[in-house]
Amino acid sequence: MRILLTNDDGINGEGLAMLAAWITRRNFGELVIAAPGKEQSASSMSINFHRPFRIEKTTLFSDIATETYVVDSTPADCVRFGLDRLGRFDLVFSGINKGVNIGQDICYSGTCGAAFEANTSGVKAAAFSTEPCAFDTAEPMLDPIWDMITERRMFDFTNMININIPKDPCGIAFVSQGGPYYRDHIVPIGENVYEAQFYVPYIKEEHPEVETDLDAFFRGICSITPMHIDRTDWKAMMNILG
């Protein structure tokens, strides 16, 4: 099996190194890395049409990866390059992102965007994210999370899996995507200069079911969510067609 690994925190991201080491330890197969040269957070599935971009081979990760490339563009472009120029891949891994990607924030995520980009070419993918301060506690959860994914044969039923690991996790749950994780105000901070300032609107109820990735995160539970790139509103379609 051939694995393509990317991220949106950049080639020097702590989570990329951790995921690469884990992939090697699990003996998934041949590992190839193509990651952005610098942080590309909130790039979603953005791709570069308006300028050429540099791609350079590097000796980084030479002890565990067959090839490693630094891409001067987005995570989605890293995947496009890998799938177009580096041969056939069986699976794309993206992450581990420095910051969770849950709820509607998934729409903006470069980590998830890379996984969705793999899906456009028919390649299955998994996106991994954790809290910025939680890499030490996230790493031990990779094995039990992946064991649950394989035991449930998730990739028999979906092409993309989104995984989030909170700090000091107390469990693992299969959940749906939630709603708003944060809201922002665009506020002036100088003459003709504005900045997005964020706040979290999620309110944890006292005894709710853990149904969404937001529920899981705010209770310290790792979330596993099957996703797809098809944005058809099937409920509306069925009502329209009668």
C-alpha atoms as a PDB file:
ATOM      1  CA  MET A   1       0.000   0.000   0.000  1.00  0.00           C
ATOM      2  CA  ARG A   2       1.185   3.538  -0.793  1.00  0.00           C
ATOM      3  CA  ILE A   3       0.353   6.405   1.553  1.00  0.00           C
ATOM      4  CA  LEU A   4       0.498  10.124   0.706  1.00  0.00           C
ATOM      5  CA  LEU A   5       0.869  12.351   3.775  1.00  0.00           C
ATOM      6  CA  THR A   6       0.240  16.102   3.882  1.00  0.00           C
ATOM      7  CA  ASN A   7      -0.913  18.791   6.336  1.00  0.00           C
ATOM      8  CA  ASP A   8      -1.765  22.493   6.525  1.00  0.00           C
ATOM      9  CA  ASP A   9       0.670  23.527   9.274  1.00  0.00           C
ATOM     10  CA  GLY A  10       3.652  23.166   6.946  1.00  0.00           C
ATOM     11  CA  ILE A  11       6.525  20.758   6.408  1.00  0.00           C
ATOM     12  CA  ASN A  12       7.969  21.527   9.860  1.00  0.00           C
ATOM     13  CA  GLY A  13       4.693  20.972  11.689  1.00  0.00           C
ATOM     14  CA  GLU A  14       4.903  18.886  14.851  1.00  0.00           C
ATOM     15  CA  GLY A  15       1.802  16.935  13.910  1.00  0.00           C
ATOM     16  CA  LEU A  16       3.167  15.966  10.489  1.00  0.00           C
ATOM     17  CA  ALA A  17       6.263  14.400  12.056  1.00  0.00           C
ATOM     18  CA  MET A  18       4.124  12.578  14.620  1.00  0.00           C
ATOM     19  CA  LEU A  19       1.750  11.175  12.006  1.00  0.00           C
ATOM     20  CA  ALA A  20       4.633  10.145   9.744  1.00  0.00           C
ATOM     21  CA  ALA A  21       6.274   8.238  12.601  1.00  0.00           C
ATOM     22  CA  TRP A  22       2.973   6.548  13.469  1.00  0.00           C
ATOM     23  CA  ILE A  23       2.314   5.523   9.846  1.00  0.00           C
ATOM     24  CA  THR A  24       5.784   3.966   9.743  1.00  0.00           C
ATOM     25  CA  ARG A  25       5.325   2.163  13.064  1.00  0.00           C
ATOM     26  CA  ARG A  26       1.978   0.744  11.909  1.00  0.00           C
ATOM     27  CA  ASN A  27       3.600  -0.608   8.734  1.00  0.00           C
ATOM     28  CA  PHE A  28       0.894   0.741   6.452  1.00  0.00           C
ATOM     29  CA  GLY A  29       3.257   0.561   3.493  1.00  0.00           C
ATOM     30  CA  GLU A  30       5.323   2.990   1.442  1.00  0.00           C
ATOM     31  CA  LEU A  31       5.133   6.579   2.721  1.00  0.00           C
ATOM     32  CA  VAL A  32       5.457   9.666   0.494  1.00  0.00           C
ATOM     33  CA  ILE A  33       5.165  13.179   1.948  1.00  0.00           C
ATOM     34  CA  ALA A  34       4.117  16.362   0.137  1.00  0.00           C
ATOM     35  CA  ALA A  35       3.466  19.274   2.490  1.00  0.00           C
ATOM     36  CA  PRO A  36       3.273  23.068   2.238  1.00  0.00           C
ATOM     37  CA  GLY A  37       6.407  25.083   2.837  1.00  0.00           C
ATOM     38  CA  LYS A  38       4.556  27.336   5.279  1.00  0.00           C
ATOM     39  CA  GLU A  39       1.316  27.343   7.244  1.00  0.00           C
ATOM     40  CA  GLN A  40      -1.846  27.168   5.143  1.00  0.00           C
ATOM     41  CA  SER A  41      -4.543  27.149   7.817  1.00  0.00           C
ATOM     42  CA  ALA A  42      -8.103  27.973   6.683  1.00  0.00           C
ATOM     43  CA  SER A  43      -7.192  27.288   3.049  1.00  0.00           C
ATOM     44  CA  SER A  44     -10.006  24.730   2.668  1.00  0.00           C
ATOM     45  CA  MET A  45      -9.776  23.189  -0.836  1.00  0.00           C
ATOM     46  CA  SER A  46      -8.106  26.275  -2.308  1.00  0.00           C
ATOM     47  CA  ILE A  47      -5.894  25.566  -5.323  1.00  0.00           C
ATOM     48  CA  ASN A  48      -3.502  27.701  -7.304  1.00  0.00           C
ATOM     49  CA  PHE A  49      -4.620  28.725 -10.791  1.00  0.00           C
ATOM     50  CA  HIS A  50      -3.079  32.178 -11.044  1.00  0.00           C
ATOM     51  CA  ARG A  51       0.626  31.640 -10.436  1.00  0.00           C
ATOM     52  CA  PRO A  52       3.187  28.872 -10.845  1.00  0.00           C
ATOM     53  CA  PHE A  53       4.374  27.372  -7.565  1.00  0.00           C
ATOM     54  CA  ARG A  54       7.668  25.817  -6.585  1.00  0.00           C
ATOM     55  CA  ILE A  55       7.982  22.170  -5.554  1.00  0.00           C
ATOM     56  CA  GLU A  56      11.288  20.972  -4.165  1.00  0.00           C
ATOM     57  CA  LYS A  57      12.414  17.533  -3.109  1.00  0.00           C
ATOM     58  CA  THR A  58      13.989  17.444   0.353  1.00  0.00           C
ATOM     59  CA  THR A  59      15.892  15.007   2.552  1.00  0.00           C
ATOM     60  CA  LEU A  60      13.528  15.630   5.462  1.00  0.00           C
ATOM     61  CA  PHE A  61      12.021  12.350   6.731  1.00  0.00           C
ATOM     62  CA  SER A  62      14.463  10.392   4.549  1.00  0.00           C
ATOM     63  CA  ASP A  63      14.704   7.735   7.258  1.00  0.00           C
ATOM     64  CA  ILE A  64      11.002   6.868   7.027  1.00  0.00           C
ATOM     65  CA  ALA A  65       9.623   8.270   3.749  1.00  0.00           C
ATOM     66  CA  THR A  66      10.505   7.157   0.231  1.00  0.00           C
ATOM     67  CA  GLU A  67      10.212  10.750  -1.001  1.00  0.00           C
ATOM     68  CA  THR A  68       9.425  14.101   0.604  1.00  0.00           C
ATOM     69  CA  TYR A  69       8.432  17.294  -1.215  1.00  0.00           C
ATOM     70  CA  VAL A  70       7.986  20.878  -0.054  1.00  0.00           C
ATOM     71  CA  VAL A  71       5.185  22.573  -1.979  1.00  0.00           C
ATOM     72  CA  ASP A  72       4.840  26.361  -2.160  1.00  0.00           C
ATOM     73  CA  SER A  73       1.062  26.191  -2.181  1.00  0.00           C
ATOM     74  CA  THR A  74      -1.972  24.818  -0.384  1.00  0.00           C
ATOM     75  CA  PRO A  75      -2.649  21.353   1.086  1.00  0.00           C
ATOM     76  CA  ALA A  76      -5.071  20.641  -1.764  1.00  0.00           C
ATOM     77  CA  ASP A  77      -2.304  21.439  -4.253  1.00  0.00           C
ATOM     78  CA  CYS A  78       0.020  19.092  -2.350  1.00  0.00           C
ATOM     79  CA  VAL A  79      -2.500  16.317  -2.930  1.00  0.00           C
ATOM     80  CA  ARG A  80      -3.049  17.297  -6.567  1.00  0.00           C
ATOM     81  CA  PHE A  81       0.693  17.180  -7.154  1.00  0.00           C
ATOM     82  CA  GLY A  82       1.095  13.852  -5.394  1.00  0.00           C
ATOM     83  CA  LEU A  83      -1.744  12.100  -7.176  1.00  0.00           C
ATOM     84  CA  ASP A  84      -0.848  13.545 -10.575  1.00  0.00           C
ATOM     85  CA  ARG A  85       2.943  13.245 -10.536  1.00  0.00           C
ATOM     86  CA  LEU A  86       3.994  10.631  -8.002  1.00  0.00           C
ATOM     87  CA  GLY A  87       2.032   7.566  -9.014  1.00  0.00           C
ATOM     88  CA  ARG A  88      -0.931   5.732  -7.569  1.00  0.00           C
ATOM     89  CA  PHE A  89      -1.798   6.053  -3.878  1.00  0.00           C
ATOM     90  CA  ASP A  90      -4.158   3.916  -1.828  1.00  0.00           C
ATOM     91  CA  LEU A  91      -4.749   6.373   0.988  1.00  0.00           C
ATOM     92  CA  VAL A  92      -4.121  10.024   1.867  1.00  0.00           C
ATOM     93  CA  PHE A  93      -3.491  11.095   5.458  1.00  0.00           C
ATOM     94  CA  SER A  94      -3.695  14.767   6.434  1.00  0.00           C
ATOM     95  CA  GLY A  95      -2.474  16.233   9.751  1.00  0.00           C
ATOM     96  CA  ILE A  96      -2.112  16.037  12.613  1.00  0.00           C
ATOM     97  CA  ASN A  97      -3.463  19.584  12.612  1.00  0.00           C
ATOM     98  CA  LYS A  98      -2.566  22.031  15.365  1.00  0.00           C
ATOM     99  CA  GLY A  99      -6.157  22.854  16.283  1.00  0.00           C
ATOM    100  CA  VAL A 100      -9.367  20.844  16.062  1.00  0.00           C
ATOM    101  CA  ASN A 101     -11.513  20.806  12.946  1.00  0.00           C
ATOM    102  CA  ILE A 102     -15.088  20.286  14.114  1.00  0.00           C
ATOM    103  CA  GLY A 103     -18.558  21.558  13.265  1.00  0.00           C
ATOM    104  CA  GLN A 104     -18.858  24.112  10.516  1.00  0.00           C
ATOM    105  CA  ASP A 105     -15.157  24.934  10.861  1.00  0.00           C
ATOM    106  CA  ILE A 106     -14.551  21.856   8.697  1.00  0.00           C
ATOM    107  CA  CYS A 107     -15.615  23.978   5.695  1.00  0.00           C
ATOM    108  CA  TYR A 108     -12.570  26.232   6.189  1.00  0.00           C
ATOM    109  CA  SER A 109     -10.030  23.606   7.188  1.00  0.00           C
ATOM    110  CA  GLY A 110      -6.988  23.064   4.988  1.00  0.00           C
ATOM    111  CA  THR A 111      -6.444  19.740   6.762  1.00  0.00           C
ATOM    112  CA  CYS A 112      -9.892  18.508   5.747  1.00  0.00           C
ATOM    113  CA  GLY A 113      -9.588  20.240   2.380  1.00  0.00           C
ATOM    114  CA  ALA A 114      -6.619  18.017   1.507  1.00  0.00           C
ATOM    115  CA  ALA A 115      -8.641  14.920   2.371  1.00  0.00           C
ATOM    116  CA  PHE A 116     -11.602  16.092   0.283  1.00  0.00           C
ATOM    117  CA  GLU A 117      -9.218  16.825  -2.593  1.00  0.00           C
ATOM    118  CA  ALA A 118      -8.065  13.205  -2.459  1.00  0.00           C
ATOM    119  CA  ASN A 119     -11.705  12.149  -2.724  1.00  0.00           C
ATOM    120  CA  THR A 120     -12.147  14.117  -5.962  1.00  0.00           C
ATOM    121  CA  SER A 121      -9.609  11.717  -7.494  1.00  0.00           C
ATOM    122  CA  GLY A 122     -11.253   8.649  -6.004  1.00  0.00           C
ATOM    123  CA  VAL A 123      -8.682   8.158  -3.237  1.00  0.00           C
ATOM    124  CA  LYS A 124      -9.805   7.509   0.336  1.00  0.00           C
ATOM    125  CA  ALA A 125      -8.505   9.872   3.017  1.00  0.00           C
ATOM    126  CA  ALA A 126      -8.379  10.573   6.736  1.00  0.00           C
ATOM    127  CA  ALA A 127      -7.883  13.961   8.400  1.00  0.00           C
ATOM    128  CA  PHE A 128      -6.455  14.150  11.935  1.00  0.00           C
ATOM    129  CA  SER A 129      -6.608  17.162  14.272  1.00  0.00           C
ATOM    130  CA  THR A 130      -5.942  17.923  17.918  1.00  0.00           C
ATOM    131  CA  GLU A 131      -5.678  20.872  20.277  1.00  0.00           C
ATOM    132  CA  PRO A 132      -2.501  22.966  19.972  1.00  0.00           C
ATOM    133  CA  CYS A 133      -1.343  21.913  23.452  1.00  0.00           C
ATOM    134  CA  ALA A 134      -2.368  18.265  23.162  1.00  0.00           C
ATOM    135  CA  PHE A 135       0.109  16.465  20.886  1.00  0.00           C
ATOM    136  CA  ASP A 136       1.541  14.423  23.768  1.00  0.00           C
ATOM    137  CA  THR A 137      -1.853  13.030  24.700  1.00  0.00           C
ATOM    138  CA  ALA A 138      -3.025  12.739  21.062  1.00  0.00           C
ATOM    139  CA  GLU A 139      -0.289  10.361  19.926  1.00  0.00           C
ATOM    140  CA  PRO A 140      -1.315   7.431  22.204  1.00  0.00           C
ATOM    141  CA  MET A 141      -4.885   7.677  20.866  1.00  0.00           C
ATOM    142  CA  LEU A 142      -3.934   7.047  17.228  1.00  0.00           C
ATOM    143  CA  ASP A 143      -3.790   3.275  17.637  1.00  0.00           C
ATOM    144  CA  PRO A 144      -7.155   2.767  19.386  1.00  0.00           C
ATOM    145  CA  ILE A 145      -8.841   5.221  17.021  1.00  0.00           C
ATOM    146  CA  TRP A 146      -7.511   3.457  13.940  1.00  0.00           C
ATOM    147  CA  ASP A 147      -8.347   0.053  15.390  1.00  0.00           C
ATOM    148  CA  MET A 148     -11.977   1.166  15.778  1.00  0.00           C
ATOM    149  CA  ILE A 149     -12.014   2.475  12.215  1.00  0.00           C
ATOM    150  CA  THR A 150     -10.719  -0.806  10.818  1.00  0.00           C
ATOM    151  CA  GLU A 151     -12.902  -2.986  13.066  1.00  0.00           C
ATOM    152  CA  ARG A 152     -15.998  -1.135  11.816  1.00  0.00           C
ATOM    153  CA  ARG A 153     -14.658  -1.302   8.214  1.00  0.00           C
ATOM    154  CA  MET A 154     -15.415   2.387   7.811  1.00  0.00           C
ATOM    155  CA  PHE A 155     -13.654   2.724   4.482  1.00  0.00           C
ATOM    156  CA  ASP A 156     -16.046   0.143   3.053  1.00  0.00           C
ATOM    157  CA  PHE A 157     -18.792   2.722   3.521  1.00  0.00           C
ATOM    158  CA  THR A 158     -17.118   6.142   3.203  1.00  0.00           C
ATOM    159  CA  ASN A 159     -14.222   7.786   1.385  1.00  0.00           C
ATOM    160  CA  MET A 160     -13.318  10.385   4.025  1.00  0.00           C
ATOM    161  CA  ILE A 161     -12.978  10.228   7.803  1.00  0.00           C
ATOM    162  CA  ASN A 162     -12.477  13.265  10.039  1.00  0.00           C
ATOM    163  CA  ILE A 163     -10.820  12.584  13.400  1.00  0.00           C
ATOM    164  CA  ASN A 164     -10.433  15.009  16.301  1.00  0.00           C
ATOM    165  CA  ILE A 165      -8.541  14.325  19.519  1.00  0.00           C
ATOM    166  CA  PRO A 166      -9.098  16.642  22.517  1.00  0.00           C
ATOM    167  CA  LYS A 167      -6.608  17.133  25.311  1.00  0.00           C
ATOM    168  CA  ASP A 168      -6.585  14.247  27.831  1.00  0.00           C
ATOM    169  CA  PRO A 169      -9.248  12.240  25.981  1.00  0.00           C
ATOM    170  CA  CYS A 170     -11.590  10.021  27.974  1.00  0.00           C
ATOM    171  CA  GLY A 171     -13.132   7.995  25.164  1.00  0.00           C
ATOM    172  CA  ILE A 172     -13.870   7.612  21.454  1.00  0.00           C
ATOM    173  CA  ALA A 173     -17.207   8.107  19.688  1.00  0.00           C
ATOM    174  CA  PHE A 174     -18.622   7.862  16.174  1.00  0.00           C
ATOM    175  CA  VAL A 175     -20.511  11.135  15.717  1.00  0.00           C
ATOM    176  CA  SER A 176     -21.941  13.453  13.075  1.00  0.00           C
ATOM    177  CA  GLN A 177     -20.650  16.884  12.108  1.00  0.00           C
ATOM    178  CA  GLY A 178     -21.945  19.603  14.434  1.00  0.00           C
ATOM    179  CA  GLY A 179     -22.934  23.195  13.820  1.00  0.00           C
ATOM    180  CA  PRO A 180     -21.080  26.427  14.607  1.00  0.00           C
ATOM    181  CA  TYR A 181     -17.941  25.954  16.690  1.00  0.00           C
ATOM    182  CA  TYR A 182     -17.131  29.655  16.778  1.00  0.00           C
ATOM    183  CA  ARG A 183     -18.455  32.937  15.445  1.00  0.00           C
ATOM    184  CA  ASP A 184     -16.491  36.021  14.585  1.00  0.00           C
ATOM    185  CA  HIS A 185     -16.923  39.762  14.433  1.00  0.00           C
ATOM    186  CA  ILE A 186     -15.018  41.812  11.856  1.00  0.00           C
ATOM    187  CA  VAL A 187     -13.855  44.729  13.994  1.00  0.00           C
ATOM    188  CA  PRO A 188     -11.782  47.840  13.144  1.00  0.00           C
ATOM    189  CA  ILE A 189      -8.316  47.937  14.720  1.00  0.00           C
ATOM    190  CA  GLY A 190      -6.942  50.928  12.785  1.00  0.00           C
ATOM    191  CA  GLU A 191      -7.689  53.210   9.869  1.00  0.00           C
ATOM    192  CA  ASN A 192      -9.223  51.000   7.165  1.00  0.00           C
ATOM    193  CA  VAL A 193      -7.824  47.944   8.975  1.00  0.00           C
ATOM    194  CA  TYR A 194     -10.084  45.192  10.308  1.00  0.00           C
ATOM    195  CA  GLU A 195      -9.556  41.956  12.198  1.00  0.00           C
ATOM    196  CA  ALA A 196     -11.683  38.881  12.862  1.00  0.00           C
ATOM    197  CA  GLN A 197     -12.246  38.373  16.581  1.00  0.00           C
ATOM    198  CA  PHE A 198     -13.646  35.005  17.569  1.00  0.00           C
ATOM    199  CA  TYR A 199     -15.928  33.716  20.280  1.00  0.00           C
ATOM    200  CA  VAL A 200     -17.342  30.244  20.986  1.00  0.00           C
ATOM    201  CA  PRO A 201     -21.168  30.052  20.988  1.00  0.00           C
ATOM    202  CA  TYR A 202     -21.450  26.347  21.842  1.00  0.00           C
ATOM    203  CA  ILE A 203     -23.248  25.702  25.131  1.00  0.00           C
ATOM    204  CA  LYS A 204     -22.739  22.312  26.764  1.00  0.00           C
ATOM    205  CA  GLU A 205     -26.049  21.042  28.094  1.00  0.00           C
ATOM    206  CA  GLU A 206     -26.142  19.195  31.385  1.00  0.00           C
ATOM    207  CA  HIS A 207     -27.189  15.723  30.190  1.00  0.00           C
ATOM    208  CA  PRO A 208     -27.220  15.631  26.389  1.00  0.00           C
ATOM    209  CA  GLU A 209     -26.443  12.719  24.146  1.00  0.00           C
ATOM    210  CA  VAL A 210     -23.033  12.826  22.502  1.00  0.00           C
ATOM    211  CA  GLU A 211     -24.246  13.090  18.911  1.00  0.00           C
ATOM    212  CA  THR A 212     -21.913  15.557  17.185  1.00  0.00           C
ATOM    213  CA  ASP A 213     -18.198  16.273  17.032  1.00  0.00           C
ATOM    214  CA  LEU A 214     -18.829  19.417  19.116  1.00  0.00           C
ATOM    215  CA  ASP A 215     -20.540  17.366  21.833  1.00  0.00           C
ATOM    216  CA  ALA A 216     -17.592  14.995  21.862  1.00  0.00           C
ATOM    217  CA  PHE A 217     -14.887  17.664  21.908  1.00  0.00           C
ATOM    218  CA  PHE A 218     -16.380  19.640  24.776  1.00  0.00           C
ATOM    219  CA  ARG A 219     -16.635  16.434  26.801  1.00  0.00           C
ATOM    220  CA  GLY A 220     -13.082  15.317  26.135  1.00  0.00           C
ATOM    221  CA  ILE A 221     -14.058  12.525  23.724  1.00  0.00           C
ATOM    222  CA  CYS A 222     -12.266  11.724  20.467  1.00  0.00           C
ATOM    223  CA  SER A 223     -14.611  12.077  17.502  1.00  0.00           C
ATOM    224  CA  ILE A 224     -14.677   9.964  14.354  1.00  0.00           C
ATOM    225  CA  THR A 225     -16.929  11.283  11.582  1.00  0.00           C
ATOM    226  CA  PRO A 226     -17.512   9.810   8.108  1.00  0.00           C
ATOM    227  CA  MET A 227     -17.856  12.574   5.519  1.00  0.00           C
ATOM    228  CA  HIS A 228     -18.350  13.050   1.801  1.00  0.00           C
ATOM    229  CA  ILE A 229     -17.730  15.750  -0.770  1.00  0.00           C
ATOM    230  CA  ASP A 230     -21.216  15.584  -2.318  1.00  0.00           C
ATOM    231  CA  ARG A 231     -23.045  18.752  -1.214  1.00  0.00           C
ATOM    232  CA  THR A 232     -26.411  17.804  -2.676  1.00  0.00           C
ATOM    233  CA  ASP A 233     -29.251  18.545  -0.270  1.00  0.00           C
ATOM    234  CA  TRP A 234     -30.878  15.129  -0.608  1.00  0.00           C
ATOM    235  CA  LYS A 235     -33.762  15.957   1.723  1.00  0.00           C
ATOM    236  CA  ALA A 236     -34.689  18.892  -0.510  1.00  0.00           C
ATOM    237  CA  MET A 237     -34.181  16.768  -3.622  1.00  0.00           C
ATOM    238  CA  MET A 238     -36.539  14.060  -2.388  1.00  0.00           C
ATOM    239  CA  ASN A 239     -39.192  16.665  -1.479  1.00  0.00           C
ATOM    240  CA  ILE A 240     -38.850  18.319  -4.883  1.00  0.00           C
ATOM    241  CA  LEU A 241     -39.130  15.028  -6.749  1.00  0.00           C
ATOM    242  CA  GLY A 242     -42.025  13.911  -4.537  1.00  0.00           C
END
